[in-house]
Amino acid sequence: ELAESLAKFRPKELCIVGKTETENIGIDKVIKNVITNPTIRFLLLAGQDPKGHRSGKTLLAVSESGVDERMRVIGSPGRRPVLRNVSRDEVETFRKQVQVVDLVGCEDLERITAKIRELSQSPVFLCGCEECGHEITSTSVAAVTVIQAEAPAKVEMDKAGYFVIIPQ
């Protein structure tokens, strides 16, 4: 409900709003979406962190420590924090481009909006440091194959979990 309320409120400084439930596919999607818009410099984490998955804390860990050689998020408290749908270059571009701001647990719309406005007034150093002023070199996002959905011939439930898609 927080993401929906924030989207309806529409502070002019807000670029994107959404939620992620998982510490893997959800974060893959956040990284891909954010790096395709190089004007996004801050990612504010708010709301409750999904228990077990800990996607908010995993995003903080990506920002702080990155991924290991197996694409596992270093320092993540999530169950399966392995990023399979992004490249190491995309993760590094995200880490250089975006400052992740921790308001995990906060659901106060006024406090979140005030923080968004405060961040929008902050000076931005394109390389992440305050000394050199160099621009970030962009990384192209891997092409996504478009497929036409069909009714499945057979449905086999995944024992590890499931997801729900709710079109709006």
N, C-alpha and C. Protein backbone atom coordinates (compact mmCIF):
# COMPACT_ATOMS: atom_id res chain seq x y z
N GLU A 1 0.81 -1.20 0.00
CA GLU A 1 0.00 0.00 0.00
C GLU A 1 0.85 1.27 0.00
N LEU A 2 2.05 1.19 0.59
CA LEU A 2 2.93 2.36 0.65
C LEU A 2 3.33 2.82 -0.75
N ALA A 3 3.73 1.89 -1.60
CA ALA A 3 4.14 2.25 -2.97
C ALA A 3 2.97 2.89 -3.72
N GLU A 4 1.79 2.33 -3.56
CA GLU A 4 0.61 2.86 -4.23
C GLU A 4 0.27 4.26 -3.70
N SER A 5 0.36 4.46 -2.40
CA SER A 5 0.08 5.78 -1.80
C SER A 5 1.08 6.82 -2.29
N LEU A 6 2.34 6.44 -2.34
CA LEU A 6 3.39 7.36 -2.79
C LEU A 6 3.19 7.71 -4.28
N ALA A 7 2.84 6.71 -5.07
CA ALA A 7 2.60 6.95 -6.50
C ALA A 7 1.41 7.89 -6.71
N LYS A 8 0.38 7.76 -5.89
CA LYS A 8 -0.79 8.63 -6.00
C LYS A 8 -0.46 10.05 -5.54
N PHE A 9 0.38 10.16 -4.52
CA PHE A 9 0.77 11.47 -4.00
C PHE A 9 1.62 12.24 -5.00
N ARG A 10 2.46 11.53 -5.75
CA ARG A 10 3.28 12.05 -6.85
C ARG A 10 4.14 13.26 -6.52
N PRO A 11 5.07 13.15 -5.58
CA PRO A 11 5.98 14.29 -5.40
C PRO A 11 6.77 14.50 -6.69
N LYS A 12 6.95 15.75 -7.10
CA LYS A 12 7.57 16.03 -8.40
C LYS A 12 9.01 15.52 -8.48
N GLU A 13 9.66 15.34 -7.35
CA GLU A 13 11.05 14.87 -7.34
C GLU A 13 11.16 13.35 -7.50
N LEU A 14 10.06 12.65 -7.49
CA LEU A 14 10.04 11.19 -7.55
C LEU A 14 10.16 10.72 -9.00
N CYS A 15 11.12 9.81 -9.26
CA CYS A 15 11.28 9.26 -10.61
C CYS A 15 10.53 7.96 -10.79
N ILE A 16 10.73 7.03 -9.88
CA ILE A 16 10.07 5.73 -9.96
C ILE A 16 9.66 5.32 -8.55
N VAL A 17 8.65 4.49 -8.48
CA VAL A 17 8.21 3.95 -7.20
C VAL A 17 7.74 2.53 -7.45
N GLY A 18 8.02 1.66 -6.51
CA GLY A 18 7.59 0.28 -6.66
C GLY A 18 7.97 -0.51 -5.44
N LYS A 19 7.79 -1.81 -5.55
CA LYS A 19 8.15 -2.67 -4.42
C LYS A 19 8.82 -3.91 -4.96
N THR A 20 9.57 -4.54 -4.11
CA THR A 20 10.16 -5.82 -4.47
C THR A 20 9.96 -6.76 -3.30
N GLU A 21 9.63 -7.98 -3.61
CA GLU A 21 9.36 -8.97 -2.57
C GLU A 21 10.54 -9.91 -2.36
N THR A 22 11.42 -10.03 -3.36
CA THR A 22 12.48 -11.04 -3.27
C THR A 22 13.87 -10.43 -3.34
N GLU A 23 14.81 -11.17 -2.81
CA GLU A 23 16.20 -10.73 -2.76
C GLU A 23 16.99 -11.18 -3.98
N ASN A 24 16.32 -11.61 -5.01
CA ASN A 24 17.03 -12.02 -6.22
C ASN A 24 16.37 -11.42 -7.46
N ILE A 25 15.29 -12.01 -7.96
CA ILE A 25 14.65 -11.50 -9.17
C ILE A 25 14.16 -10.06 -8.99
N GLY A 26 13.61 -9.76 -7.83
CA GLY A 26 13.15 -8.39 -7.57
C GLY A 26 14.28 -7.38 -7.67
N ILE A 27 15.43 -7.74 -7.14
CA ILE A 27 16.57 -6.82 -7.18
C ILE A 27 17.17 -6.76 -8.58
N ASP A 28 17.18 -7.88 -9.30
CA ASP A 28 17.60 -7.86 -10.70
C ASP A 28 16.81 -6.78 -11.45
N LYS A 29 15.49 -6.77 -11.24
CA LYS A 29 14.62 -5.83 -11.95
C LYS A 29 14.89 -4.39 -11.53
N VAL A 30 15.12 -4.17 -10.24
CA VAL A 30 15.44 -2.81 -9.76
C VAL A 30 16.72 -2.33 -10.45
N ILE A 31 17.75 -3.16 -10.44
CA ILE A 31 19.03 -2.77 -11.05
C ILE A 31 18.84 -2.43 -12.52
N LYS A 32 18.19 -3.32 -13.27
CA LYS A 32 17.99 -3.08 -14.71
C LYS A 32 17.23 -1.78 -14.96
N ASN A 33 16.15 -1.56 -14.21
CA ASN A 33 15.34 -0.36 -14.43
C ASN A 33 16.08 0.92 -14.05
N VAL A 34 16.82 0.89 -12.98
CA VAL A 34 17.51 2.09 -12.53
C VAL A 34 18.65 2.46 -13.47
N ILE A 35 19.45 1.50 -13.89
CA ILE A 35 20.61 1.86 -14.73
C ILE A 35 20.22 2.27 -16.14
N THR A 36 18.99 1.97 -16.56
CA THR A 36 18.57 2.44 -17.88
C THR A 36 18.21 3.92 -17.86
N ASN A 37 18.14 4.51 -16.68
CA ASN A 37 17.88 5.94 -16.55
C ASN A 37 19.02 6.56 -15.74
N PRO A 38 20.06 7.05 -16.42
CA PRO A 38 21.24 7.57 -15.69
C PRO A 38 20.98 8.82 -14.87
N THR A 39 19.78 9.40 -14.96
CA THR A 39 19.49 10.57 -14.12
C THR A 39 19.07 10.16 -12.71
N ILE A 40 18.78 8.88 -12.50
CA ILE A 40 18.42 8.41 -11.16
C ILE A 40 19.70 8.26 -10.35
N ARG A 41 19.82 9.02 -9.26
CA ARG A 41 21.03 9.03 -8.45
C ARG A 41 20.82 8.50 -7.03
N PHE A 42 19.56 8.44 -6.59
CA PHE A 42 19.26 7.97 -5.25
C PHE A 42 18.17 6.91 -5.32
N LEU A 43 18.28 5.90 -4.48
CA LEU A 43 17.25 4.89 -4.33
C LEU A 43 16.91 4.84 -2.86
N LEU A 44 15.72 5.30 -2.54
CA LEU A 44 15.28 5.39 -1.15
C LEU A 44 14.50 4.11 -0.81
N LEU A 45 14.97 3.39 0.19
CA LEU A 45 14.31 2.17 0.63
C LEU A 45 13.41 2.50 1.81
N ALA A 46 12.13 2.18 1.70
CA ALA A 46 11.18 2.46 2.77
C ALA A 46 10.18 1.32 2.85
N GLY A 47 9.39 1.31 3.89
CA GLY A 47 8.40 0.26 4.08
C GLY A 47 9.01 -0.93 4.79
N GLN A 48 8.20 -1.96 4.94
CA GLN A 48 8.65 -3.14 5.67
C GLN A 48 9.47 -4.05 4.75
N ASP A 49 10.53 -4.59 5.29
CA ASP A 49 11.39 -5.52 4.56
C ASP A 49 10.75 -6.91 4.64
N PRO A 50 10.47 -7.54 3.50
CA PRO A 50 9.83 -8.87 3.54
C PRO A 50 10.64 -9.86 4.38
N LYS A 51 9.99 -10.48 5.33
CA LYS A 51 10.67 -11.42 6.22
C LYS A 51 11.26 -12.57 5.41
N GLY A 52 12.43 -13.01 5.80
CA GLY A 52 13.10 -14.10 5.10
C GLY A 52 13.84 -13.63 3.88
N HIS A 53 13.18 -12.89 3.00
CA HIS A 53 13.82 -12.44 1.77
C HIS A 53 14.73 -11.24 2.00
N ARG A 54 14.29 -10.32 2.84
CA ARG A 54 15.08 -9.14 3.22
C ARG A 54 15.61 -8.37 2.00
N SER A 55 14.72 -8.09 1.06
CA SER A 55 15.13 -7.41 -0.17
C SER A 55 15.71 -6.01 0.07
N GLY A 56 15.20 -5.29 1.07
CA GLY A 56 15.75 -3.97 1.38
C GLY A 56 17.19 -4.06 1.87
N LYS A 57 17.43 -4.94 2.83
CA LYS A 57 18.79 -5.11 3.34
C LYS A 57 19.72 -5.68 2.27
N THR A 58 19.17 -6.47 1.35
CA THR A 58 19.98 -7.00 0.26
C THR A 58 20.36 -5.89 -0.71
N LEU A 59 19.45 -4.95 -0.99
CA LEU A 59 19.81 -3.80 -1.83
C LEU A 59 20.90 -2.96 -1.18
N LEU A 60 20.81 -2.80 0.13
CA LEU A 60 21.89 -2.09 0.84
C LEU A 60 23.21 -2.83 0.70
N ALA A 61 23.17 -4.15 0.82
CA ALA A 61 24.38 -4.96 0.69
C ALA A 61 24.96 -4.87 -0.73
N VAL A 62 24.11 -4.87 -1.74
CA VAL A 62 24.59 -4.70 -3.13
C VAL A 62 25.33 -3.39 -3.24
N SER A 63 24.72 -2.34 -2.71
CA SER A 63 25.32 -1.01 -2.79
C SER A 63 26.66 -0.94 -2.07
N GLU A 64 26.73 -1.53 -0.90
CA GLU A 64 27.94 -1.45 -0.09
C GLU A 64 29.04 -2.40 -0.53
N SER A 65 28.68 -3.64 -0.90
CA SER A 65 29.70 -4.67 -1.12
C SER A 65 29.68 -5.34 -2.48
N GLY A 66 28.60 -5.21 -3.23
CA GLY A 66 28.54 -5.83 -4.55
C GLY A 66 28.24 -7.32 -4.48
N VAL A 67 28.74 -8.04 -5.47
CA VAL A 67 28.50 -9.48 -5.59
C VAL A 67 29.82 -10.23 -5.69
N ASP A 68 29.78 -11.52 -5.33
CA ASP A 68 30.98 -12.34 -5.46
C ASP A 68 31.02 -12.97 -6.86
N GLU A 69 31.97 -13.87 -7.08
CA GLU A 69 32.14 -14.48 -8.41
C GLU A 69 30.94 -15.32 -8.84
N ARG A 70 30.12 -15.76 -7.92
CA ARG A 70 28.91 -16.54 -8.24
C ARG A 70 27.68 -15.64 -8.32
N MET A 71 27.86 -14.32 -8.26
CA MET A 71 26.79 -13.32 -8.30
C MET A 71 25.93 -13.35 -7.04
N ARG A 72 26.48 -13.86 -5.95
CA ARG A 72 25.80 -13.83 -4.65
C ARG A 72 26.09 -12.47 -4.01
N VAL A 73 25.05 -11.82 -3.49
CA VAL A 73 25.21 -10.50 -2.88
C VAL A 73 26.01 -10.66 -1.58
N ILE A 74 27.13 -10.00 -1.52
CA ILE A 74 28.02 -10.08 -0.35
C ILE A 74 27.36 -9.38 0.83
N GLY A 75 27.22 -10.11 1.93
CA GLY A 75 26.67 -9.54 3.16
C GLY A 75 25.16 -9.49 3.24
N SER A 76 24.47 -10.10 2.30
CA SER A 76 23.00 -10.08 2.34
C SER A 76 22.46 -11.05 3.39
N PRO A 77 21.43 -10.62 4.15
CA PRO A 77 20.79 -11.53 5.09
C PRO A 77 19.65 -12.34 4.45
N GLY A 78 19.42 -12.17 3.15
CA GLY A 78 18.32 -12.86 2.47
C GLY A 78 18.59 -14.35 2.31
N ARG A 79 17.52 -15.09 2.01
CA ARG A 79 17.62 -16.55 1.86
C ARG A 79 18.45 -16.96 0.66
N ARG A 80 18.16 -16.37 -0.49
CA ARG A 80 18.86 -16.73 -1.73
C ARG A 80 19.23 -15.48 -2.51
N PRO A 81 20.19 -14.71 -2.02
CA PRO A 81 20.52 -13.45 -2.68
C PRO A 81 21.49 -13.61 -3.85
N VAL A 82 21.08 -14.39 -4.84
CA VAL A 82 21.91 -14.62 -6.02
C VAL A 82 21.24 -13.93 -7.20
N LEU A 83 21.97 -13.05 -7.87
CA LEU A 83 21.44 -12.29 -9.00
C LEU A 83 21.77 -13.03 -10.28
N ARG A 84 20.77 -13.55 -10.95
CA ARG A 84 20.99 -14.36 -12.15
C ARG A 84 20.63 -13.63 -13.44
N ASN A 85 19.97 -12.50 -13.35
CA ASN A 85 19.48 -11.82 -14.55
C ASN A 85 20.15 -10.48 -14.81
N VAL A 86 21.25 -10.22 -14.13
CA VAL A 86 22.06 -9.03 -14.39
C VAL A 86 23.51 -9.46 -14.51
N SER A 87 24.29 -8.63 -15.18
CA SER A 87 25.72 -8.92 -15.31
C SER A 87 26.49 -8.20 -14.19
N ARG A 88 27.72 -8.60 -14.01
CA ARG A 88 28.59 -7.94 -13.04
C ARG A 88 28.75 -6.45 -13.40
N ASP A 89 28.87 -6.15 -14.71
CA ASP A 89 28.97 -4.76 -15.16
C ASP A 89 27.73 -3.95 -14.79
N GLU A 90 26.56 -4.56 -14.92
CA GLU A 90 25.32 -3.86 -14.55
C GLU A 90 25.28 -3.60 -13.05
N VAL A 91 25.72 -4.55 -12.26
CA VAL A 91 25.77 -4.35 -10.80
C VAL A 91 26.73 -3.22 -10.47
N GLU A 92 27.90 -3.20 -11.09
CA GLU A 92 28.88 -2.15 -10.81
C GLU A 92 28.39 -0.78 -11.27
N THR A 93 27.71 -0.74 -12.40
CA THR A 93 27.13 0.53 -12.86
C THR A 93 26.11 1.04 -11.84
N PHE A 94 25.26 0.14 -11.36
CA PHE A 94 24.28 0.49 -10.32
C PHE A 94 24.99 1.05 -9.09
N ARG A 95 26.04 0.37 -8.64
CA ARG A 95 26.75 0.79 -7.43
C ARG A 95 27.39 2.16 -7.60
N LYS A 96 27.89 2.46 -8.79
CA LYS A 96 28.52 3.76 -9.04
C LYS A 96 27.49 4.86 -9.25
N GLN A 97 26.36 4.52 -9.86
CA GLN A 97 25.36 5.51 -10.22
C GLN A 97 24.48 5.92 -9.06
N VAL A 98 24.14 4.97 -8.20
CA VAL A 98 23.06 5.18 -7.23
C VAL A 98 23.56 5.14 -5.79
N GLN A 99 23.11 6.09 -5.01
CA GLN A 99 23.31 6.05 -3.57
C GLN A 99 22.04 5.49 -2.97
N VAL A 100 22.15 4.35 -2.27
CA VAL A 100 20.99 3.72 -1.65
C VAL A 100 20.81 4.32 -0.25
N VAL A 101 19.61 4.80 0.02
CA VAL A 101 19.30 5.47 1.28
C VAL A 101 18.38 4.57 2.10
N ASP A 102 18.77 4.31 3.34
CA ASP A 102 18.07 3.35 4.19
C ASP A 102 17.01 4.01 5.07
N LEU A 103 15.75 3.82 4.67
CA LEU A 103 14.60 4.16 5.53
C LEU A 103 13.75 2.91 5.71
N VAL A 104 14.40 1.73 5.63
CA VAL A 104 13.67 0.47 5.78
C VAL A 104 12.94 0.49 7.12
N GLY A 105 11.67 0.15 7.08
CA GLY A 105 10.83 0.17 8.27
C GLY A 105 9.95 1.40 8.36
N CYS A 106 10.33 2.47 7.67
CA CYS A 106 9.54 3.71 7.72
C CYS A 106 8.36 3.62 6.75
N GLU A 107 7.16 3.91 7.25
CA GLU A 107 5.97 3.94 6.41
C GLU A 107 5.26 5.28 6.50
N ASP A 108 5.94 6.27 7.05
CA ASP A 108 5.39 7.61 7.21
C ASP A 108 5.56 8.38 5.89
N LEU A 109 4.45 8.58 5.17
CA LEU A 109 4.48 9.22 3.86
C LEU A 109 5.10 10.61 3.91
N GLU A 110 4.82 11.37 4.95
CA GLU A 110 5.39 12.72 5.07
C GLU A 110 6.91 12.66 5.25
N ARG A 111 7.39 11.76 6.09
CA ARG A 111 8.84 11.63 6.30
C ARG A 111 9.55 11.17 5.02
N ILE A 112 8.93 10.22 4.32
CA ILE A 112 9.51 9.71 3.08
C ILE A 112 9.56 10.82 2.04
N THR A 113 8.47 11.56 1.90
CA THR A 113 8.41 12.66 0.93
C THR A 113 9.43 13.74 1.27
N ALA A 114 9.58 14.06 2.55
CA ALA A 114 10.59 15.05 2.97
C ALA A 114 11.99 14.58 2.59
N LYS A 115 12.27 13.30 2.77
CA LYS A 115 13.59 12.76 2.42
C LYS A 115 13.82 12.81 0.92
N ILE A 116 12.78 12.51 0.14
CA ILE A 116 12.88 12.60 -1.32
C ILE A 116 13.25 14.02 -1.73
N ARG A 117 12.56 14.99 -1.14
CA ARG A 117 12.83 16.40 -1.47
C ARG A 117 14.23 16.82 -1.03
N GLU A 118 14.65 16.36 0.15
CA GLU A 118 16.01 16.66 0.63
C GLU A 118 17.06 16.08 -0.33
N LEU A 119 16.88 14.84 -0.74
CA LEU A 119 17.85 14.21 -1.64
C LEU A 119 17.89 14.90 -2.99
N SER A 120 16.75 15.38 -3.47
CA SER A 120 16.72 16.04 -4.77
C SER A 120 17.51 17.35 -4.77
N GLN A 121 17.73 17.91 -3.58
CA GLN A 121 18.49 19.15 -3.46
C GLN A 121 19.99 18.91 -3.24
N SER A 122 20.37 17.64 -3.03
CA SER A 122 21.76 17.29 -2.76
C SER A 122 22.61 17.42 -4.02
N PRO A 123 23.84 17.92 -3.86
CA PRO A 123 24.74 17.92 -5.03
C PRO A 123 25.05 16.48 -5.42
N VAL A 124 25.16 16.25 -6.72
CA VAL A 124 25.43 14.91 -7.21
C VAL A 124 26.77 14.89 -7.91
N PHE A 125 27.65 14.00 -7.48
CA PHE A 125 28.94 13.82 -8.11
C PHE A 125 28.83 12.58 -8.99
N LEU A 126 29.02 12.77 -10.28
CA LEU A 126 28.70 11.74 -11.26
C LEU A 126 29.49 10.45 -11.10
N CYS A 127 30.65 10.50 -10.50
CA CYS A 127 31.42 9.27 -10.36
C CYS A 127 31.26 8.67 -8.97
N GLY A 128 30.54 9.35 -8.09
CA GLY A 128 30.36 8.84 -6.75
C GLY A 128 31.32 9.43 -5.74
N CYS A 129 32.32 10.16 -6.20
CA CYS A 129 33.24 10.78 -5.25
C CYS A 129 33.05 12.29 -5.31
N GLU A 130 33.70 13.00 -4.43
CA GLU A 130 33.54 14.45 -4.41
C GLU A 130 34.73 15.18 -5.00
N GLU A 131 35.75 14.45 -5.44
CA GLU A 131 36.97 15.10 -5.89
C GLU A 131 37.07 15.35 -7.39
N CYS A 132 36.78 14.33 -8.21
CA CYS A 132 37.17 14.43 -9.62
C CYS A 132 36.09 14.93 -10.57
N GLY A 133 34.82 14.69 -10.28
CA GLY A 133 33.75 15.16 -11.16
C GLY A 133 33.62 14.40 -12.46
N HIS A 134 34.19 13.21 -12.59
CA HIS A 134 34.08 12.43 -13.82
C HIS A 134 32.68 11.84 -13.98
N GLU A 135 32.30 11.68 -15.23
CA GLU A 135 31.01 11.06 -15.50
C GLU A 135 31.12 9.54 -15.42
N ILE A 136 30.00 8.92 -15.07
CA ILE A 136 29.92 7.46 -15.07
C ILE A 136 29.82 7.01 -16.51
N THR A 137 30.56 5.98 -16.89
CA THR A 137 30.38 5.41 -18.21
C THR A 137 29.20 4.46 -18.15
N SER A 138 28.34 4.57 -19.12
CA SER A 138 27.12 3.75 -19.08
C SER A 138 27.40 2.33 -19.55
N THR A 139 26.59 1.43 -19.08
CA THR A 139 26.66 0.03 -19.47
C THR A 139 25.37 -0.30 -20.17
N SER A 140 25.47 -0.96 -21.31
CA SER A 140 24.24 -1.32 -22.00
C SER A 140 23.60 -2.50 -21.28
N VAL A 141 22.29 -2.47 -21.25
CA VAL A 141 21.52 -3.53 -20.61
C VAL A 141 21.32 -4.63 -21.63
N ALA A 142 21.50 -5.87 -21.21
CA ALA A 142 21.33 -7.00 -22.11
C ALA A 142 19.93 -6.98 -22.72
N ALA A 143 19.86 -7.33 -23.99
CA ALA A 143 18.58 -7.34 -24.70
C ALA A 143 17.64 -8.37 -24.08
N VAL A 144 16.37 -8.02 -24.06
CA VAL A 144 15.35 -8.91 -23.52
C VAL A 144 14.54 -9.47 -24.67
N THR A 145 14.41 -10.77 -24.72
CA THR A 145 13.62 -11.42 -25.75
C THR A 145 12.14 -11.27 -25.41
N VAL A 146 11.35 -10.83 -26.37
CA VAL A 146 9.91 -10.69 -26.17
C VAL A 146 9.25 -11.98 -26.64
N ILE A 147 8.42 -12.55 -25.80
CA ILE A 147 7.70 -13.77 -26.16
C ILE A 147 6.21 -13.55 -25.99
N GLN A 148 5.41 -14.30 -26.74
CA GLN A 148 3.96 -14.23 -26.62
C GLN A 148 3.51 -15.30 -25.64
N ALA A 149 2.77 -14.91 -24.62
CA ALA A 149 2.30 -15.86 -23.61
C ALA A 149 1.27 -16.81 -24.21
N GLU A 150 1.32 -18.04 -23.77
CA GLU A 150 0.35 -19.05 -24.20
C GLU A 150 -0.15 -19.78 -22.96
N ALA A 151 -1.31 -20.37 -23.05
CA ALA A 151 -1.82 -21.19 -21.95
C ALA A 151 -0.90 -22.41 -21.81
N PRO A 152 -0.49 -22.75 -20.59
CA PRO A 152 0.40 -23.89 -20.42
C PRO A 152 -0.31 -25.21 -20.65
N ALA A 153 0.43 -26.17 -21.22
CA ALA A 153 -0.13 -27.50 -21.42
C ALA A 153 -0.23 -28.22 -20.07
N LYS A 154 0.74 -27.96 -19.20
CA LYS A 154 0.78 -28.61 -17.89
C LYS A 154 1.38 -27.61 -16.90
N VAL A 155 0.83 -27.53 -15.71
CA VAL A 155 1.35 -26.64 -14.68
C VAL A 155 1.99 -27.49 -13.60
N GLU A 156 3.26 -27.20 -13.31
CA GLU A 156 3.97 -27.91 -12.25
C GLU A 156 4.43 -26.86 -11.24
N MET A 157 3.94 -26.95 -10.01
CA MET A 157 4.26 -25.97 -8.98
C MET A 157 5.70 -26.14 -8.51
N ASP A 158 6.38 -25.02 -8.28
CA ASP A 158 7.74 -25.02 -7.78
C ASP A 158 7.69 -25.22 -6.26
N LYS A 159 8.37 -26.22 -5.77
CA LYS A 159 8.36 -26.52 -4.34
C LYS A 159 9.06 -25.44 -3.51
N ALA A 160 9.94 -24.66 -4.15
CA ALA A 160 10.68 -23.62 -3.44
C ALA A 160 9.85 -22.35 -3.25
N GLY A 161 8.72 -22.22 -3.93
CA GLY A 161 7.90 -21.02 -3.77
C GLY A 161 7.14 -20.70 -5.03
N TYR A 162 6.51 -19.54 -5.05
CA TYR A 162 5.70 -19.12 -6.18
C TYR A 162 5.65 -17.61 -6.22
N PHE A 163 5.08 -17.06 -7.27
CA PHE A 163 4.86 -15.63 -7.33
C PHE A 163 3.49 -15.37 -7.94
N VAL A 164 2.98 -14.20 -7.69
CA VAL A 164 1.67 -13.81 -8.19
C VAL A 164 1.84 -12.55 -9.01
N ILE A 165 1.23 -12.51 -10.18
CA ILE A 165 1.24 -11.31 -11.03
C ILE A 165 -0.15 -10.74 -11.02
N ILE A 166 -0.26 -9.47 -10.65
CA ILE A 166 -1.56 -8.80 -10.60
C ILE A 166 -1.52 -7.63 -11.57
N PRO A 167 -2.09 -7.79 -12.77
CA PRO A 167 -2.11 -6.66 -13.71
C PRO A 167 -3.06 -5.58 -13.22
N GLN A 168 -2.67 -4.33 -13.40
CA GLN A 168 -3.53 -3.22 -12.99
C GLN A 168 -3.78 -2.31 -14.17
